[in-house]
Amino acid sequence: MADALPKLYGSADGKTRLIKGLYGSVNGIARPISKLYGSVSGRSKLIFQAQAGGDGDFDPVDSNNVDLDNLSNIVKAGMASEYLKVGDILQIPWADGTKVQRRVLGFGDRVVKIGDVEQVVPAIQMDDVYLFKTPTVYYGSSAIAVVYPSSYLRAFINSTVTNIQSSEFLECLGATKVSTVTRVVNGQASILTSYDKIFAPSVVELGAKHNSYSEAQAGGEGVTPNFYLNNPLLSRETEGEGYPRIFWTRSLALDRAGCMFVGDAGDILYGKQTSSYYVLPTYNFIGKY
């Protein structure tokens, strides 16, 4: 008869509890420990092994009623991809209780600022299925293109979009290091940085290319090429309006006034805004720190 898996116990609330999961630090990130060894009579012996299929600490993710504490613990343990898959839709409400569909775009480590310190932490990349219609404002002008950190677009996200979120949900979002590139002049461009819990995607993060968007800009703004699923713009809820719709990006056109826009067919547009466009709220869910 095979030996039972080793078990490890600890004390919690004055009672002996079976320890189902252990964590260690790898490059400053908490990671689950699958096996733990110790020395017994001069020999290395297995003293702990995590349960098959996960460490058993976490509940499954209920997509229709997301427990943010449970999801937070899963993400911080670096195990989000074992509980969710790309394309999953999670119902996480606004502060007023309105149910909002949030979509899983991917998994990976992201640079965020916690307190005043930059850290690399595990994250779920997400966006909203619901789109926000922006007021008619200019991103730039023929004289000068306003860059994303000081743009009306970012101000709109940081006010209107952010203010209706619940405090518990915002607590789980990382202040992500967002890079944008100034317009290239005489081959020169600067990379600007902001730290945002919710932000607009760049052209390269949408997996799009255009001759008015330089390689220097793409290299400075892309977190992960094809950050979004194939053509996600065609399956969006808005304010009951039909197609076509046009979506902001945070990227500037190479040699024209204003920023780059993406049409709902995935086409790239550029120039000044002439009507109300939509915002794709994008963020990194890192859990509560």
C-alpha atoms as a PDB file:
ATOM      1  CA  MET A   1       0.000   0.000   0.000  1.00  0.00           C
ATOM      2  CA  ALA A   2       1.392   3.373  -1.028  1.00  0.00           C
ATOM      3  CA  ASP A   3       2.307   5.817   1.689  1.00  0.00           C
ATOM      4  CA  ALA A   4      -0.035   8.759   2.155  1.00  0.00           C
ATOM      5  CA  LEU A   5       1.228  12.165   1.095  1.00  0.00           C
ATOM      6  CA  PRO A   6       3.106  13.944   3.892  1.00  0.00           C
ATOM      7  CA  LYS A   7       1.010  16.431   5.810  1.00  0.00           C
ATOM      8  CA  LEU A   8       2.034  19.597   7.580  1.00  0.00           C
ATOM      9  CA  TYR A   9       0.107  21.214  10.424  1.00  0.00           C
ATOM     10  CA  GLY A  10       0.148  24.611  12.069  1.00  0.00           C
ATOM     11  CA  SER A  11      -1.774  26.594  14.647  1.00  0.00           C
ATOM     12  CA  ALA A  12      -4.517  29.048  13.662  1.00  0.00           C
ATOM     13  CA  ASP A  13      -6.989  30.648  16.096  1.00  0.00           C
ATOM     14  CA  GLY A  14      -5.598  28.394  18.814  1.00  0.00           C
ATOM     15  CA  LYS A  15      -6.504  25.271  16.855  1.00  0.00           C
ATOM     16  CA  THR A  16      -4.375  22.837  14.908  1.00  0.00           C
ATOM     17  CA  ARG A  17      -4.989  23.292  11.185  1.00  0.00           C
ATOM     18  CA  LEU A  18      -3.835  21.318   8.164  1.00  0.00           C
ATOM     19  CA  ILE A  19      -1.618  23.553   6.008  1.00  0.00           C
ATOM     20  CA  LYS A  20      -2.793  23.230   2.420  1.00  0.00           C
ATOM     21  CA  GLY A  21      -0.430  25.662   0.758  1.00  0.00           C
ATOM     22  CA  LEU A  22       2.995  27.195   1.323  1.00  0.00           C
ATOM     23  CA  TYR A  23       4.562  30.165  -0.433  1.00  0.00           C
ATOM     24  CA  GLY A  24       8.075  31.407  -1.000  1.00  0.00           C
ATOM     25  CA  SER A  25       9.633  34.402  -2.722  1.00  0.00           C
ATOM     26  CA  VAL A  26      11.008  34.095  -6.258  1.00  0.00           C
ATOM     27  CA  ASN A  27      12.510  37.313  -7.627  1.00  0.00           C
ATOM     28  CA  GLY A  28      10.462  39.214  -5.070  1.00  0.00           C
ATOM     29  CA  ILE A  29       7.166  37.592  -6.081  1.00  0.00           C
ATOM     30  CA  ALA A  30       5.194  35.186  -3.886  1.00  0.00           C
ATOM     31  CA  ARG A  31       4.990  31.766  -5.544  1.00  0.00           C
ATOM     32  CA  PRO A  32       3.332  28.549  -4.348  1.00  0.00           C
ATOM     33  CA  ILE A  33       5.677  25.816  -3.096  1.00  0.00           C
ATOM     34  CA  SER A  34       4.728  22.437  -4.552  1.00  0.00           C
ATOM     35  CA  LYS A  35       7.144  20.340  -2.450  1.00  0.00           C
ATOM     36  CA  LEU A  36       9.110  20.942   0.736  1.00  0.00           C
ATOM     37  CA  TYR A  37      12.010  18.800   1.961  1.00  0.00           C
ATOM     38  CA  GLY A  38      13.760  18.486   5.301  1.00  0.00           C
ATOM     39  CA  SER A  39      16.583  16.441   6.791  1.00  0.00           C
ATOM     40  CA  VAL A  40      15.655  13.285   8.711  1.00  0.00           C
ATOM     41  CA  SER A  41      18.558  11.177  10.096  1.00  0.00           C
ATOM     42  CA  GLY A  42      20.916  12.849   7.678  1.00  0.00           C
ATOM     43  CA  ARG A  43      18.744  12.164   4.653  1.00  0.00           C
ATOM     44  CA  SER A  44      16.527  14.477   2.628  1.00  0.00           C
ATOM     45  CA  LYS A  45      12.876  13.584   3.135  1.00  0.00           C
ATOM     46  CA  LEU A  46       9.716  14.990   1.585  1.00  0.00           C
ATOM     47  CA  ILE A  47       7.797  16.657   4.420  1.00  0.00           C
ATOM     48  CA  PHE A  48       5.116  18.493   2.449  1.00  0.00           C
ATOM     49  CA  GLN A  49       3.484  18.223  -0.972  1.00  0.00           C
ATOM     50  CA  ALA A  50       0.722  20.472  -2.251  1.00  0.00           C
ATOM     51  CA  GLN A  51      -2.543  18.816  -3.178  1.00  0.00           C
ATOM     52  CA  ALA A  52      -2.946  17.777  -6.794  1.00  0.00           C
ATOM     53  CA  GLY A  53      -4.737  20.337  -8.954  1.00  0.00           C
ATOM     54  CA  GLY A  54      -3.820  23.310  -6.787  1.00  0.00           C
ATOM     55  CA  ASP A  55      -2.855  24.068  -3.247  1.00  0.00           C
ATOM     56  CA  GLY A  56      -6.433  23.800  -1.978  1.00  0.00           C
ATOM     57  CA  ASP A  57      -6.402  27.203  -0.292  1.00  0.00           C
ATOM     58  CA  PHE A  58      -8.779  28.907  -2.690  1.00  0.00           C
ATOM     59  CA  ASP A  59     -12.373  28.562  -3.754  1.00  0.00           C
ATOM     60  CA  PRO A  60     -13.292  28.337  -7.448  1.00  0.00           C
ATOM     61  CA  VAL A  61     -14.015  31.694  -9.079  1.00  0.00           C
ATOM     62  CA  ASP A  62     -17.758  32.243  -9.421  1.00  0.00           C
ATOM     63  CA  SER A  63     -17.936  34.420 -12.544  1.00  0.00           C
ATOM     64  CA  ASN A  64     -21.450  35.653 -11.682  1.00  0.00           C
ATOM     65  CA  ASN A  65     -20.629  36.619  -8.106  1.00  0.00           C
ATOM     66  CA  VAL A  66     -16.898  37.271  -7.828  1.00  0.00           C
ATOM     67  CA  ASP A  67     -15.429  37.103  -4.329  1.00  0.00           C
ATOM     68  CA  LEU A  68     -12.711  39.772  -4.627  1.00  0.00           C
ATOM     69  CA  ASP A  69     -10.867  38.523  -1.526  1.00  0.00           C
ATOM     70  CA  ASN A  70     -10.656  35.006  -2.961  1.00  0.00           C
ATOM     71  CA  LEU A  71      -9.603  36.268  -6.415  1.00  0.00           C
ATOM     72  CA  SER A  72      -7.055  38.557  -4.785  1.00  0.00           C
ATOM     73  CA  ASN A  73      -5.415  35.632  -2.992  1.00  0.00           C
ATOM     74  CA  ILE A  74      -5.372  33.543  -6.168  1.00  0.00           C
ATOM     75  CA  VAL A  75      -3.663  36.288  -8.177  1.00  0.00           C
ATOM     76  CA  LYS A  76      -1.098  37.123  -5.494  1.00  0.00           C
ATOM     77  CA  ALA A  77      -0.150  33.444  -5.352  1.00  0.00           C
ATOM     78  CA  GLY A  78       0.563  33.528  -9.097  1.00  0.00           C
ATOM     79  CA  MET A  79      -2.144  30.931  -9.767  1.00  0.00           C
ATOM     80  CA  ALA A  80      -4.752  32.923 -11.710  1.00  0.00           C
ATOM     81  CA  SER A  81      -4.269  30.906 -14.916  1.00  0.00           C
ATOM     82  CA  GLU A  82      -5.213  27.735 -13.015  1.00  0.00           C
ATOM     83  CA  TYR A  83      -8.602  29.157 -12.056  1.00  0.00           C
ATOM     84  CA  LEU A  84      -9.428  31.309 -15.105  1.00  0.00           C
ATOM     85  CA  LYS A  85      -8.786  31.319 -18.833  1.00  0.00           C
ATOM     86  CA  VAL A  86      -8.377  34.037 -21.448  1.00  0.00           C
ATOM     87  CA  GLY A  87     -11.789  35.251 -22.560  1.00  0.00           C
ATOM     88  CA  ASP A  88     -13.597  34.547 -19.285  1.00  0.00           C
ATOM     89  CA  ILE A  89     -16.207  37.160 -18.338  1.00  0.00           C
ATOM     90  CA  LEU A  90     -16.432  38.141 -14.668  1.00  0.00           C
ATOM     91  CA  GLN A  91     -19.360  40.074 -13.208  1.00  0.00           C
ATOM     92  CA  ILE A  92     -17.897  42.740 -10.912  1.00  0.00           C
ATOM     93  CA  PRO A  93     -20.312  45.592 -10.097  1.00  0.00           C
ATOM     94  CA  TRP A  94     -19.841  49.320  -9.931  1.00  0.00           C
ATOM     95  CA  ALA A  95     -20.232  51.097  -6.604  1.00  0.00           C
ATOM     96  CA  ASP A  96     -23.987  51.505  -7.150  1.00  0.00           C
ATOM     97  CA  GLY A  97     -24.451  47.758  -7.654  1.00  0.00           C
ATOM     98  CA  THR A  98     -24.754  47.849 -11.455  1.00  0.00           C
ATOM     99  CA  LYS A  99     -23.365  44.581 -12.815  1.00  0.00           C
ATOM    100  CA  VAL A 100     -20.488  45.081 -15.233  1.00  0.00           C
ATOM    101  CA  GLN A 101     -18.817  42.437 -17.384  1.00  0.00           C
ATOM    102  CA  ARG A 102     -15.040  42.397 -17.013  1.00  0.00           C
ATOM    103  CA  ARG A 103     -13.052  40.304 -19.470  1.00  0.00           C
ATOM    104  CA  VAL A 104      -9.835  38.352 -18.884  1.00  0.00           C
ATOM    105  CA  LEU A 105      -7.248  39.289 -21.529  1.00  0.00           C
ATOM    106  CA  GLY A 106      -4.212  37.466 -20.206  1.00  0.00           C
ATOM    107  CA  PHE A 107      -1.919  36.598 -17.302  1.00  0.00           C
ATOM    108  CA  GLY A 108       1.579  37.772 -16.434  1.00  0.00           C
ATOM    109  CA  ASP A 109       3.752  39.912 -14.213  1.00  0.00           C
ATOM    110  CA  ARG A 110       3.289  43.677 -14.427  1.00  0.00           C
ATOM    111  CA  VAL A 111       5.188  46.701 -13.123  1.00  0.00           C
ATOM    112  CA  VAL A 112       3.012  48.600 -10.654  1.00  0.00           C
ATOM    113  CA  LYS A 113       3.566  51.165  -7.948  1.00  0.00           C
ATOM    114  CA  ILE A 114       2.528  50.079  -4.458  1.00  0.00           C
ATOM    115  CA  GLY A 115       2.868  53.008  -2.104  1.00  0.00           C
ATOM    116  CA  ASP A 116       5.815  54.856  -3.592  1.00  0.00           C
ATOM    117  CA  VAL A 117       7.729  51.747  -4.674  1.00  0.00           C
ATOM    118  CA  GLU A 118       7.732  50.091  -8.098  1.00  0.00           C
ATOM    119  CA  GLN A 119       7.176  46.352  -7.851  1.00  0.00           C
ATOM    120  CA  VAL A 120       6.754  43.498 -10.299  1.00  0.00           C
ATOM    121  CA  VAL A 121       3.752  41.415  -9.278  1.00  0.00           C
ATOM    122  CA  PRO A 122       1.494  38.744 -10.806  1.00  0.00           C
ATOM    123  CA  ALA A 123      -1.570  40.184 -12.525  1.00  0.00           C
ATOM    124  CA  ILE A 124      -4.634  39.433 -14.605  1.00  0.00           C
ATOM    125  CA  GLN A 125      -4.861  41.755 -17.595  1.00  0.00           C
ATOM    126  CA  MET A 126      -8.507  42.792 -18.003  1.00  0.00           C
ATOM    127  CA  ASP A 127     -10.834  45.223 -19.734  1.00  0.00           C
ATOM    128  CA  ASP A 128     -14.525  46.098 -19.581  1.00  0.00           C
ATOM    129  CA  VAL A 129     -17.125  44.878 -22.033  1.00  0.00           C
ATOM    130  CA  TYR A 130     -19.039  48.093 -21.359  1.00  0.00           C
ATOM    131  CA  LEU A 131     -17.651  51.108 -23.210  1.00  0.00           C
ATOM    132  CA  PHE A 132     -17.630  54.695 -21.987  1.00  0.00           C
ATOM    133  CA  LYS A 133     -18.623  57.448 -24.371  1.00  0.00           C
ATOM    134  CA  THR A 134     -16.329  60.457 -24.044  1.00  0.00           C
ATOM    135  CA  PRO A 135     -17.328  64.089 -24.420  1.00  0.00           C
ATOM    136  CA  THR A 136     -16.113  65.917 -27.496  1.00  0.00           C
ATOM    137  CA  VAL A 137     -12.665  67.110 -26.514  1.00  0.00           C
ATOM    138  CA  TYR A 138      -9.430  67.474 -28.425  1.00  0.00           C
ATOM    139  CA  TYR A 139      -6.502  65.258 -27.660  1.00  0.00           C
ATOM    140  CA  GLY A 140      -4.205  67.641 -29.496  1.00  0.00           C
ATOM    141  CA  SER A 141      -4.132  70.392 -32.089  1.00  0.00           C
ATOM    142  CA  SER A 142      -2.304  71.214 -35.292  1.00  0.00           C
ATOM    143  CA  ALA A 143       0.204  73.188 -33.253  1.00  0.00           C
ATOM    144  CA  ILE A 144       0.994  70.632 -30.591  1.00  0.00           C
ATOM    145  CA  ALA A 145      -0.181  67.154 -29.713  1.00  0.00           C
ATOM    146  CA  VAL A 146      -0.986  66.763 -26.039  1.00  0.00           C
ATOM    147  CA  VAL A 147       0.620  63.564 -24.760  1.00  0.00           C
ATOM    148  CA  TYR A 148      -1.359  60.991 -22.823  1.00  0.00           C
ATOM    149  CA  PRO A 149      -0.208  61.813 -19.241  1.00  0.00           C
ATOM    150  CA  SER A 150      -1.640  65.354 -19.589  1.00  0.00           C
ATOM    151  CA  SER A 151      -4.514  64.553 -21.960  1.00  0.00           C
ATOM    152  CA  TYR A 152      -8.257  65.028 -21.610  1.00  0.00           C
ATOM    153  CA  LEU A 153      -8.576  61.308 -22.270  1.00  0.00           C
ATOM    154  CA  ARG A 154      -6.585  60.335 -19.187  1.00  0.00           C
ATOM    155  CA  ALA A 155      -8.406  62.967 -17.117  1.00  0.00           C
ATOM    156  CA  PHE A 156     -11.754  61.527 -18.258  1.00  0.00           C
ATOM    157  CA  ILE A 157     -10.689  58.002 -17.242  1.00  0.00           C
ATOM    158  CA  ASN A 158      -9.330  59.164 -13.887  1.00  0.00           C
ATOM    159  CA  SER A 159     -12.564  60.963 -13.100  1.00  0.00           C
ATOM    160  CA  THR A 160     -15.681  59.622 -14.825  1.00  0.00           C
ATOM    161  CA  VAL A 161     -14.572  56.022 -15.349  1.00  0.00           C
ATOM    162  CA  THR A 162     -12.773  55.625 -12.024  1.00  0.00           C
ATOM    163  CA  ASN A 163     -15.300  57.393  -9.822  1.00  0.00           C
ATOM    164  CA  ILE A 164     -18.114  54.903 -10.455  1.00  0.00           C
ATOM    165  CA  GLN A 165     -16.002  51.882  -9.491  1.00  0.00           C
ATOM    166  CA  SER A 166     -16.374  50.354  -6.031  1.00  0.00           C
ATOM    167  CA  SER A 167     -13.579  51.091  -3.566  1.00  0.00           C
ATOM    168  CA  GLU A 168     -13.055  47.347  -3.050  1.00  0.00           C
ATOM    169  CA  PHE A 169     -12.532  46.790  -6.786  1.00  0.00           C
ATOM    170  CA  LEU A 170     -10.154  49.745  -7.125  1.00  0.00           C
ATOM    171  CA  GLU A 171      -8.167  48.384  -4.191  1.00  0.00           C
ATOM    172  CA  CYS A 172      -7.453  45.286  -6.283  1.00  0.00           C
ATOM    173  CA  LEU A 173      -6.151  47.198  -9.319  1.00  0.00           C
ATOM    174  CA  GLY A 174      -2.463  47.916  -9.697  1.00  0.00           C
ATOM    175  CA  ALA A 175      -1.232  51.445 -10.364  1.00  0.00           C
ATOM    176  CA  THR A 176       0.268  50.175 -13.611  1.00  0.00           C
ATOM    177  CA  LYS A 177       3.357  51.736 -15.163  1.00  0.00           C
ATOM    178  CA  VAL A 178       1.897  53.032 -18.423  1.00  0.00           C
ATOM    179  CA  SER A 179       4.335  54.126 -21.147  1.00  0.00           C
ATOM    180  CA  THR A 180       3.543  56.541 -23.954  1.00  0.00           C
ATOM    181  CA  VAL A 181       5.809  58.057 -26.583  1.00  0.00           C
ATOM    182  CA  THR A 182       5.892  61.646 -27.799  1.00  0.00           C
ATOM    183  CA  ARG A 183       5.667  62.407 -31.492  1.00  0.00           C
ATOM    184  CA  VAL A 184       8.896  61.567 -33.286  1.00  0.00           C
ATOM    185  CA  VAL A 185      10.660  64.708 -34.539  1.00  0.00           C
ATOM    186  CA  ASN A 186      13.936  64.380 -36.487  1.00  0.00           C
ATOM    187  CA  GLY A 187      14.143  60.791 -35.333  1.00  0.00           C
ATOM    188  CA  GLN A 188      13.854  61.734 -31.653  1.00  0.00           C
ATOM    189  CA  ALA A 189      11.104  60.748 -29.244  1.00  0.00           C
ATOM    190  CA  SER A 190      10.725  60.569 -25.490  1.00  0.00           C
ATOM    191  CA  ILE A 191       9.029  57.877 -23.447  1.00  0.00           C
ATOM    192  CA  LEU A 192       6.674  59.300 -20.839  1.00  0.00           C
ATOM    193  CA  THR A 193       5.390  57.367 -17.834  1.00  0.00           C
ATOM    194  CA  SER A 194       2.244  57.558 -15.762  1.00  0.00           C
ATOM    195  CA  TYR A 195       0.888  55.209 -13.088  1.00  0.00           C
ATOM    196  CA  ASP A 196      -2.763  54.435 -13.665  1.00  0.00           C
ATOM    197  CA  LYS A 197      -5.226  51.919 -12.241  1.00  0.00           C
ATOM    198  CA  ILE A 198      -7.373  52.263 -15.372  1.00  0.00           C
ATOM    199  CA  PHE A 199      -5.935  53.375 -18.703  1.00  0.00           C
ATOM    200  CA  ALA A 200      -6.495  53.496 -22.460  1.00  0.00           C
ATOM    201  CA  PRO A 201      -4.712  50.867 -24.572  1.00  0.00           C
ATOM    202  CA  SER A 202      -1.988  51.788 -27.039  1.00  0.00           C
ATOM    203  CA  VAL A 203      -2.045  50.921 -30.728  1.00  0.00           C
ATOM    204  CA  VAL A 204       0.534  48.173 -30.294  1.00  0.00           C
ATOM    205  CA  GLU A 205      -1.399  46.649 -27.384  1.00  0.00           C
ATOM    206  CA  LEU A 206      -4.327  46.298 -29.779  1.00  0.00           C
ATOM    207  CA  GLY A 207      -2.050  44.389 -32.152  1.00  0.00           C
ATOM    208  CA  ALA A 208      -2.513  46.990 -34.887  1.00  0.00           C
ATOM    209  CA  LYS A 209       0.023  48.575 -37.243  1.00  0.00           C
ATOM    210  CA  HIS A 210      -0.014  51.738 -39.330  1.00  0.00           C
ATOM    211  CA  ASN A 211       2.585  53.728 -41.249  1.00  0.00           C
ATOM    212  CA  SER A 212       1.716  56.781 -39.130  1.00  0.00           C
ATOM    213  CA  TYR A 213       2.860  54.934 -36.018  1.00  0.00           C
ATOM    214  CA  SER A 214       6.617  54.462 -35.840  1.00  0.00           C
ATOM    215  CA  GLU A 215       8.658  51.499 -34.637  1.00  0.00           C
ATOM    216  CA  ALA A 216      10.092  53.749 -31.913  1.00  0.00           C
ATOM    217  CA  GLN A 217       6.600  54.448 -30.632  1.00  0.00           C
ATOM    218  CA  ALA A 218       5.550  50.809 -30.817  1.00  0.00           C
ATOM    219  CA  GLY A 219       8.670  49.705 -28.961  1.00  0.00           C
ATOM    220  CA  GLY A 220       8.056  52.205 -26.193  1.00  0.00           C
ATOM    221  CA  GLU A 221       4.355  51.585 -25.690  1.00  0.00           C
ATOM    222  CA  GLY A 222       3.759  47.885 -26.074  1.00  0.00           C
ATOM    223  CA  VAL A 223       3.269  45.802 -22.937  1.00  0.00           C
ATOM    224  CA  THR A 224       2.457  42.686 -24.945  1.00  0.00           C
ATOM    225  CA  PRO A 225       1.644  42.653 -28.676  1.00  0.00           C
ATOM    226  CA  ASN A 226      -1.894  41.464 -29.364  1.00  0.00           C
ATOM    227  CA  PHE A 227      -2.783  42.227 -25.770  1.00  0.00           C
ATOM    228  CA  TYR A 228      -6.429  41.868 -26.786  1.00  0.00           C
ATOM    229  CA  LEU A 229      -8.232  38.889 -28.263  1.00  0.00           C
ATOM    230  CA  ASN A 230      -8.854  38.812 -31.992  1.00  0.00           C
ATOM    231  CA  ASN A 231     -10.971  41.827 -32.925  1.00  0.00           C
ATOM    232  CA  PRO A 232     -12.676  42.346 -29.546  1.00  0.00           C
ATOM    233  CA  LEU A 233     -14.238  45.615 -30.647  1.00  0.00           C
ATOM    234  CA  LEU A 234     -17.111  43.917 -32.442  1.00  0.00           C
ATOM    235  CA  SER A 235     -18.712  42.500 -29.295  1.00  0.00           C
ATOM    236  CA  ARG A 236     -19.123  45.482 -27.027  1.00  0.00           C
ATOM    237  CA  GLU A 237     -22.028  46.861 -25.045  1.00  0.00           C
ATOM    238  CA  THR A 238     -22.457  50.621 -25.325  1.00  0.00           C
ATOM    239  CA  GLU A 239     -25.241  53.097 -24.783  1.00  0.00           C
ATOM    240  CA  GLY A 240     -27.581  51.419 -27.275  1.00  0.00           C
ATOM    241  CA  GLU A 241     -25.916  52.973 -30.297  1.00  0.00           C
ATOM    242  CA  GLY A 242     -25.135  51.047 -33.449  1.00  0.00           C
ATOM    243  CA  TYR A 243     -22.006  50.793 -35.550  1.00  0.00           C
ATOM    244  CA  PRO A 244     -19.695  52.261 -36.593  1.00  0.00           C
ATOM    245  CA  ARG A 245     -17.876  53.251 -33.429  1.00  0.00           C
ATOM    246  CA  ILE A 246     -14.396  54.665 -32.944  1.00  0.00           C
ATOM    247  CA  PHE A 247     -12.148  53.992 -29.950  1.00  0.00           C
ATOM    248  CA  TRP A 248      -9.422  56.024 -28.322  1.00  0.00           C
ATOM    249  CA  THR A 249      -5.885  54.783 -27.952  1.00  0.00           C
ATOM    250  CA  ARG A 250      -3.214  56.607 -25.969  1.00  0.00           C
ATOM    251  CA  SER A 251      -0.810  56.609 -28.959  1.00  0.00           C
ATOM    252  CA  LEU A 252       0.039  59.715 -30.971  1.00  0.00           C
ATOM    253  CA  ALA A 253       0.183  59.758 -34.751  1.00  0.00           C
ATOM    254  CA  LEU A 254       3.744  60.021 -36.035  1.00  0.00           C
ATOM    255  CA  ASP A 255       3.415  63.174 -38.107  1.00  0.00           C
ATOM    256  CA  ARG A 256      -0.142  64.456 -37.743  1.00  0.00           C
ATOM    257  CA  ALA A 257      -2.152  66.315 -35.157  1.00  0.00           C
ATOM    258  CA  GLY A 258      -3.865  64.271 -32.488  1.00  0.00           C
ATOM    259  CA  CYS A 259      -3.797  60.646 -31.462  1.00  0.00           C
ATOM    260  CA  MET A 260      -4.511  57.315 -33.122  1.00  0.00           C
ATOM    261  CA  PHE A 261      -7.988  55.826 -33.076  1.00  0.00           C
ATOM    262  CA  VAL A 262      -9.150  52.298 -33.801  1.00  0.00           C
ATOM    263  CA  GLY A 263     -12.403  51.636 -35.648  1.00  0.00           C
ATOM    264  CA  ASP A 264     -14.702  48.792 -34.653  1.00  0.00           C
ATOM    265  CA  ALA A 265     -13.413  46.779 -37.615  1.00  0.00           C
ATOM    266  CA  GLY A 266      -9.852  47.062 -36.277  1.00  0.00           C
ATOM    267  CA  ASP A 267      -8.831  49.777 -38.758  1.00  0.00           C
ATOM    268  CA  ILE A 268      -6.454  52.550 -37.712  1.00  0.00           C
ATOM    269  CA  LEU A 269      -7.516  56.182 -37.892  1.00  0.00           C
ATOM    270  CA  TYR A 270      -5.758  59.384 -36.920  1.00  0.00           C
ATOM    271  CA  GLY A 271      -6.375  63.091 -36.514  1.00  0.00           C
ATOM    272  CA  LYS A 272      -8.441  65.302 -34.244  1.00  0.00           C
ATOM    273  CA  GLN A 273     -11.635  64.113 -32.666  1.00  0.00           C
ATOM    274  CA  THR A 274     -14.776  65.484 -34.328  1.00  0.00           C
ATOM    275  CA  SER A 275     -17.436  63.588 -32.405  1.00  0.00           C
ATOM    276  CA  SER A 276     -17.874  61.573 -29.229  1.00  0.00           C
ATOM    277  CA  TYR A 277     -15.699  58.454 -29.219  1.00  0.00           C
ATOM    278  CA  TYR A 278     -15.451  55.507 -26.831  1.00  0.00           C
ATOM    279  CA  VAL A 279     -12.943  54.401 -24.225  1.00  0.00           C
ATOM    280  CA  LEU A 280     -11.813  50.825 -23.608  1.00  0.00           C
ATOM    281  CA  PRO A 281     -11.212  50.706 -19.814  1.00  0.00           C
ATOM    282  CA  THR A 282      -8.097  48.570 -19.395  1.00  0.00           C
ATOM    283  CA  TYR A 283      -6.391  47.547 -16.161  1.00  0.00           C
ATOM    284  CA  ASN A 284      -4.331  44.996 -14.255  1.00  0.00           C
ATOM    285  CA  PHE A 285      -5.983  43.109 -11.410  1.00  0.00           C
ATOM    286  CA  ILE A 286      -3.238  42.401  -8.846  1.00  0.00           C
ATOM    287  CA  GLY A 287      -5.253  41.851  -5.670  1.00  0.00           C
ATOM    288  CA  LYS A 288      -5.118  43.629  -2.336  1.00  0.00           C
ATOM    289  CA  TYR A 289      -1.688  44.618  -1.018  1.00  0.00           C
END
